[in-house]
């Protein structure tokens, strides 16, 4: 016996504030019923001894060593800046701030 009925689909449409035609209700009833059936099949297989997974292959973060490398001098950093002052980038004021 089907758990999803046309009345339930209409009710869900009202809750979601989606206006559904009779044709859409009929199509969605079948689709949602198939989804519920498939979830039930998966639930039968999912036993406590089977760990839940979100990925088929275990993921892990790969970190590199944090090693200091050659650094640019302030002059090198600012050499191509459109505008600089006092060793800093100079930009247009934002949010109504005074320059």
N, C-alpha and C. Protein backbone atom coordinates (compact mmCIF):
# COMPACT_ATOMS: atom_id res chain seq x y z
N UNK A 1 0.84 -1.19 0.00
CA UNK A 1 0.00 0.00 0.00
C UNK A 1 0.89 1.25 0.00
N UNK A 2 0.55 2.18 -0.81
CA UNK A 2 1.34 3.39 -0.98
C UNK A 2 1.19 4.33 0.21
N UNK A 3 2.32 4.87 0.65
CA UNK A 3 2.30 5.84 1.75
C UNK A 3 1.99 7.24 1.25
N UNK A 4 2.35 7.51 0.00
CA UNK A 4 2.16 8.84 -0.57
C UNK A 4 0.86 8.85 -1.38
N UNK A 5 -0.03 9.73 -0.99
CA UNK A 5 -1.32 9.85 -1.67
C UNK A 5 -1.40 11.22 -2.35
N UNK A 6 -2.28 11.37 -3.32
CA UNK A 6 -2.45 12.69 -3.95
C UNK A 6 -2.83 13.77 -2.94
N UNK A 7 -3.64 13.40 -1.94
CA UNK A 7 -4.01 14.39 -0.91
C UNK A 7 -2.78 14.84 -0.12
N UNK A 8 -1.87 13.91 0.18
CA UNK A 8 -0.65 14.26 0.90
C UNK A 8 0.22 15.18 0.05
N UNK A 9 0.32 14.91 -1.24
CA UNK A 9 1.11 15.75 -2.13
C UNK A 9 0.50 17.15 -2.21
N UNK A 10 -0.82 17.23 -2.31
CA UNK A 10 -1.47 18.55 -2.31
C UNK A 10 -1.19 19.30 -1.01
N UNK A 11 -1.25 18.58 0.12
CA UNK A 11 -0.99 19.19 1.42
C UNK A 11 0.45 19.70 1.49
N UNK A 12 1.40 18.89 1.01
CA UNK A 12 2.80 19.32 1.00
C UNK A 12 2.99 20.54 0.10
N UNK A 13 2.27 20.57 -1.01
CA UNK A 13 2.32 21.74 -1.89
C UNK A 13 1.83 22.99 -1.19
N UNK A 14 0.75 22.86 -0.42
CA UNK A 14 0.23 24.01 0.34
C UNK A 14 1.25 24.46 1.38
N UNK A 15 1.85 23.50 2.09
CA UNK A 15 2.85 23.86 3.10
C UNK A 15 4.06 24.56 2.49
N UNK A 16 4.44 24.12 1.29
CA UNK A 16 5.58 24.72 0.60
C UNK A 16 5.19 25.95 -0.21
N UNK A 17 3.91 26.27 -0.18
CA UNK A 17 3.38 27.41 -0.93
C UNK A 17 3.66 27.28 -2.42
N UNK A 18 3.45 26.05 -2.92
CA UNK A 18 3.61 25.75 -4.34
C UNK A 18 2.26 25.35 -4.89
N UNK A 19 1.81 26.04 -5.91
CA UNK A 19 0.54 25.71 -6.52
C UNK A 19 0.77 24.59 -7.52
N UNK A 20 0.14 23.44 -7.30
CA UNK A 20 0.34 22.27 -8.14
C UNK A 20 -0.91 21.97 -8.96
N UNK A 21 -0.70 21.67 -10.23
CA UNK A 21 -1.83 21.25 -11.07
C UNK A 21 -2.13 19.79 -10.78
N UNK A 22 -3.29 19.31 -11.23
CA UNK A 22 -3.64 17.90 -11.02
C UNK A 22 -2.62 16.98 -11.68
N UNK A 23 -2.12 17.39 -12.84
CA UNK A 23 -1.10 16.61 -13.55
C UNK A 23 0.19 16.51 -12.72
N UNK A 24 0.61 17.62 -12.12
CA UNK A 24 1.81 17.63 -11.28
C UNK A 24 1.61 16.79 -10.03
N UNK A 25 0.42 16.86 -9.43
CA UNK A 25 0.13 16.06 -8.24
C UNK A 25 0.24 14.58 -8.57
N UNK A 26 -0.31 14.20 -9.71
CA UNK A 26 -0.26 12.78 -10.12
C UNK A 26 1.18 12.33 -10.34
N UNK A 27 1.97 13.16 -11.04
CA UNK A 27 3.37 12.82 -11.32
C UNK A 27 4.19 12.77 -10.04
N UNK A 28 4.02 13.76 -9.18
CA UNK A 28 4.79 13.82 -7.93
C UNK A 28 4.40 12.70 -6.96
N UNK A 29 3.15 12.29 -6.98
CA UNK A 29 2.71 11.19 -6.12
C UNK A 29 3.53 9.94 -6.43
N UNK A 30 3.66 9.62 -7.71
CA UNK A 30 4.45 8.46 -8.11
C UNK A 30 5.92 8.62 -7.79
N UNK A 31 6.47 9.80 -8.06
CA UNK A 31 7.89 10.04 -7.81
C UNK A 31 8.21 9.98 -6.32
N UNK A 32 7.41 10.64 -5.50
CA UNK A 32 7.66 10.64 -4.05
C UNK A 32 7.47 9.25 -3.46
N UNK A 33 6.50 8.50 -3.98
CA UNK A 33 6.29 7.14 -3.51
C UNK A 33 7.51 6.28 -3.82
N UNK A 34 8.09 6.44 -5.01
CA UNK A 34 9.30 5.69 -5.38
C UNK A 34 10.46 6.08 -4.47
N UNK A 35 10.58 7.35 -4.14
CA UNK A 35 11.66 7.81 -3.24
C UNK A 35 11.50 7.17 -1.87
N UNK A 36 10.27 7.20 -1.32
CA UNK A 36 10.02 6.61 0.00
C UNK A 36 10.33 5.12 -0.02
N UNK A 37 9.95 4.41 -1.10
CA UNK A 37 10.24 2.98 -1.21
C UNK A 37 11.74 2.72 -1.24
N UNK A 38 12.49 3.53 -1.98
CA UNK A 38 13.94 3.36 -2.05
C UNK A 38 14.61 3.63 -0.71
N UNK A 39 14.12 4.62 0.01
CA UNK A 39 14.67 4.90 1.34
C UNK A 39 14.40 3.73 2.27
N UNK A 40 13.22 3.13 2.16
CA UNK A 40 12.89 1.97 2.99
C UNK A 40 13.83 0.80 2.68
N UNK A 41 14.16 0.60 1.40
CA UNK A 41 15.09 -0.47 1.02
C UNK A 41 16.47 -0.23 1.61
N UNK A 42 16.94 1.01 1.56
CA UNK A 42 18.25 1.34 2.12
C UNK A 42 18.22 1.14 3.63
N UNK A 43 17.13 1.51 4.26
CA UNK A 43 17.01 1.35 5.72
C UNK A 43 17.08 -0.11 6.12
N UNK A 44 16.58 -1.01 5.27
CA UNK A 44 16.65 -2.44 5.57
C UNK A 44 18.09 -2.93 5.56
N UNK A 45 18.90 -2.39 4.68
CA UNK A 45 20.30 -2.81 4.55
C UNK A 45 21.17 -2.15 5.61
N UNK A 46 20.84 -0.94 5.98
CA UNK A 46 21.65 -0.20 6.95
C UNK A 46 21.43 -0.78 8.34
N UNK A 47 22.36 -1.63 8.75
CA UNK A 47 22.28 -2.24 10.07
C UNK A 47 23.30 -1.58 10.99
N UNK A 48 23.17 -1.77 12.29
CA UNK A 48 24.10 -1.11 13.22
C UNK A 48 25.57 -1.46 12.98
N UNK A 49 25.86 -2.62 12.38
CA UNK A 49 27.26 -2.99 12.16
C UNK A 49 27.85 -2.37 10.89
N UNK A 50 27.02 -1.63 10.12
CA UNK A 50 27.51 -0.94 8.93
C UNK A 50 27.65 0.54 9.27
N UNK A 51 28.90 1.06 9.27
CA UNK A 51 29.09 2.47 9.64
C UNK A 51 28.51 3.40 8.57
N UNK A 52 27.93 4.49 9.02
CA UNK A 52 27.39 5.49 8.11
C UNK A 52 28.56 6.22 7.44
N UNK A 53 28.42 6.51 6.16
CA UNK A 53 29.48 7.22 5.45
C UNK A 53 28.89 8.35 4.62
N UNK A 54 29.67 9.39 4.46
CA UNK A 54 29.25 10.48 3.58
C UNK A 54 30.05 10.43 2.28
N UNK A 55 31.17 9.69 2.28
CA UNK A 55 32.02 9.54 1.10
C UNK A 55 32.46 8.09 0.99
N UNK A 56 32.56 7.56 -0.23
CA UNK A 56 32.99 6.17 -0.38
C UNK A 56 34.45 5.96 -0.01
N UNK A 57 35.26 7.01 -0.13
CA UNK A 57 36.68 6.93 0.22
C UNK A 57 36.92 7.90 1.36
N UNK A 58 37.61 7.43 2.39
CA UNK A 58 37.87 8.29 3.56
C UNK A 58 38.66 9.52 3.14
N UNK A 59 38.26 10.66 3.66
CA UNK A 59 38.94 11.92 3.36
C UNK A 59 39.84 12.30 4.52
N UNK A 60 40.93 12.96 4.19
CA UNK A 60 41.78 13.50 5.25
C UNK A 60 42.41 14.78 4.75
N UNK A 61 42.68 15.69 5.66
CA UNK A 61 43.34 16.93 5.29
C UNK A 61 44.82 16.67 5.05
N UNK A 62 45.36 17.33 4.06
CA UNK A 62 46.78 17.21 3.77
C UNK A 62 47.40 18.55 4.10
N UNK A 63 48.29 18.54 5.06
CA UNK A 63 48.94 19.76 5.49
C UNK A 63 50.40 19.74 5.07
N UNK A 64 50.93 20.89 4.76
CA UNK A 64 52.36 20.98 4.48
C UNK A 64 53.02 21.67 5.66
N UNK A 65 54.30 21.50 5.77
CA UNK A 65 55.03 22.16 6.85
C UNK A 65 54.99 23.67 6.62
N UNK A 66 54.81 24.40 7.69
CA UNK A 66 54.79 25.86 7.62
C UNK A 66 56.23 26.35 7.79
N UNK A 67 56.88 26.56 6.66
CA UNK A 67 58.29 26.95 6.67
C UNK A 67 58.42 28.35 6.10
N UNK A 68 59.15 29.21 6.79
CA UNK A 68 59.36 30.57 6.30
C UNK A 68 60.22 30.51 5.05
N UNK A 69 59.83 31.29 4.04
CA UNK A 69 60.56 31.34 2.78
C UNK A 69 61.04 32.76 2.55
N UNK A 70 61.70 32.97 1.41
CA UNK A 70 62.14 34.32 1.08
C UNK A 70 60.94 35.25 1.05
N UNK A 71 61.13 36.44 1.59
CA UNK A 71 60.05 37.41 1.64
C UNK A 71 60.39 38.61 0.77
N UNK A 72 59.35 39.27 0.28
CA UNK A 72 59.55 40.49 -0.49
C UNK A 72 59.81 41.65 0.46
N UNK A 73 60.61 42.58 0.00
CA UNK A 73 60.82 43.79 0.79
C UNK A 73 59.62 44.71 0.59
N UNK A 74 59.40 45.64 1.49
CA UNK A 74 58.28 46.59 1.28
C UNK A 74 58.38 47.33 -0.05
N UNK A 75 59.58 47.63 -0.47
CA UNK A 75 59.77 48.33 -1.75
C UNK A 75 59.32 47.44 -2.92
N UNK A 76 59.65 46.15 -2.86
CA UNK A 76 59.24 45.24 -3.92
C UNK A 76 57.72 45.08 -3.96
N UNK A 77 57.11 45.04 -2.79
CA UNK A 77 55.66 44.87 -2.72
C UNK A 77 54.95 46.07 -3.33
N UNK A 78 55.44 47.26 -3.05
CA UNK A 78 54.77 48.49 -3.47
C UNK A 78 55.21 49.00 -4.84
N UNK A 79 56.18 48.33 -5.51
CA UNK A 79 56.73 48.88 -6.75
C UNK A 79 55.70 49.05 -7.86
N UNK A 80 54.68 48.20 -7.92
CA UNK A 80 53.67 48.31 -8.97
C UNK A 80 52.33 48.84 -8.45
N UNK A 81 52.30 49.30 -7.21
CA UNK A 81 51.06 49.83 -6.64
C UNK A 81 50.69 51.13 -7.35
N UNK A 82 49.41 51.34 -7.67
CA UNK A 82 49.01 52.60 -8.30
C UNK A 82 49.27 53.81 -7.40
N UNK A 83 49.19 53.61 -6.09
CA UNK A 83 49.42 54.71 -5.15
C UNK A 83 49.88 54.11 -3.83
N UNK A 84 50.91 54.68 -3.24
CA UNK A 84 51.43 54.20 -1.97
C UNK A 84 51.87 55.40 -1.14
N UNK A 85 51.80 55.26 0.18
CA UNK A 85 52.25 56.31 1.08
C UNK A 85 52.68 55.67 2.38
N UNK A 86 53.79 56.09 2.93
CA UNK A 86 54.29 55.62 4.22
C UNK A 86 54.44 54.09 4.26
N UNK A 87 54.88 53.49 3.15
CA UNK A 87 55.09 52.05 3.13
C UNK A 87 53.83 51.22 3.09
N UNK A 88 52.71 51.83 2.67
CA UNK A 88 51.42 51.12 2.60
C UNK A 88 50.74 51.42 1.27
N UNK A 89 49.82 50.52 0.90
CA UNK A 89 48.98 50.80 -0.26
C UNK A 89 48.04 51.93 0.09
N UNK A 90 47.83 52.82 -0.84
CA UNK A 90 46.90 53.92 -0.61
C UNK A 90 45.69 53.66 -1.51
N UNK A 91 44.50 53.63 -0.90
CA UNK A 91 43.27 53.33 -1.63
C UNK A 91 42.24 54.42 -1.36
N UNK A 92 41.23 54.43 -2.19
CA UNK A 92 40.14 55.39 -2.03
C UNK A 92 39.36 55.06 -0.76
N UNK A 93 38.93 56.09 -0.05
CA UNK A 93 38.14 55.90 1.16
C UNK A 93 36.81 55.23 0.82
N UNK A 94 36.31 54.42 1.74
CA UNK A 94 35.04 53.75 1.55
C UNK A 94 34.13 54.03 2.73
N UNK A 95 32.86 53.73 2.56
CA UNK A 95 31.87 53.87 3.63
C UNK A 95 31.80 55.26 4.19
N UNK A 96 32.03 56.26 3.35
CA UNK A 96 31.87 57.64 3.76
C UNK A 96 32.96 58.14 4.70
N UNK A 97 34.07 57.42 4.79
CA UNK A 97 35.17 57.88 5.66
C UNK A 97 35.88 59.06 5.00
N UNK A 98 36.42 59.92 5.81
CA UNK A 98 37.18 61.08 5.31
C UNK A 98 38.56 60.62 4.90
N UNK A 99 39.13 61.29 3.88
CA UNK A 99 40.48 60.93 3.43
C UNK A 99 41.51 61.65 4.23
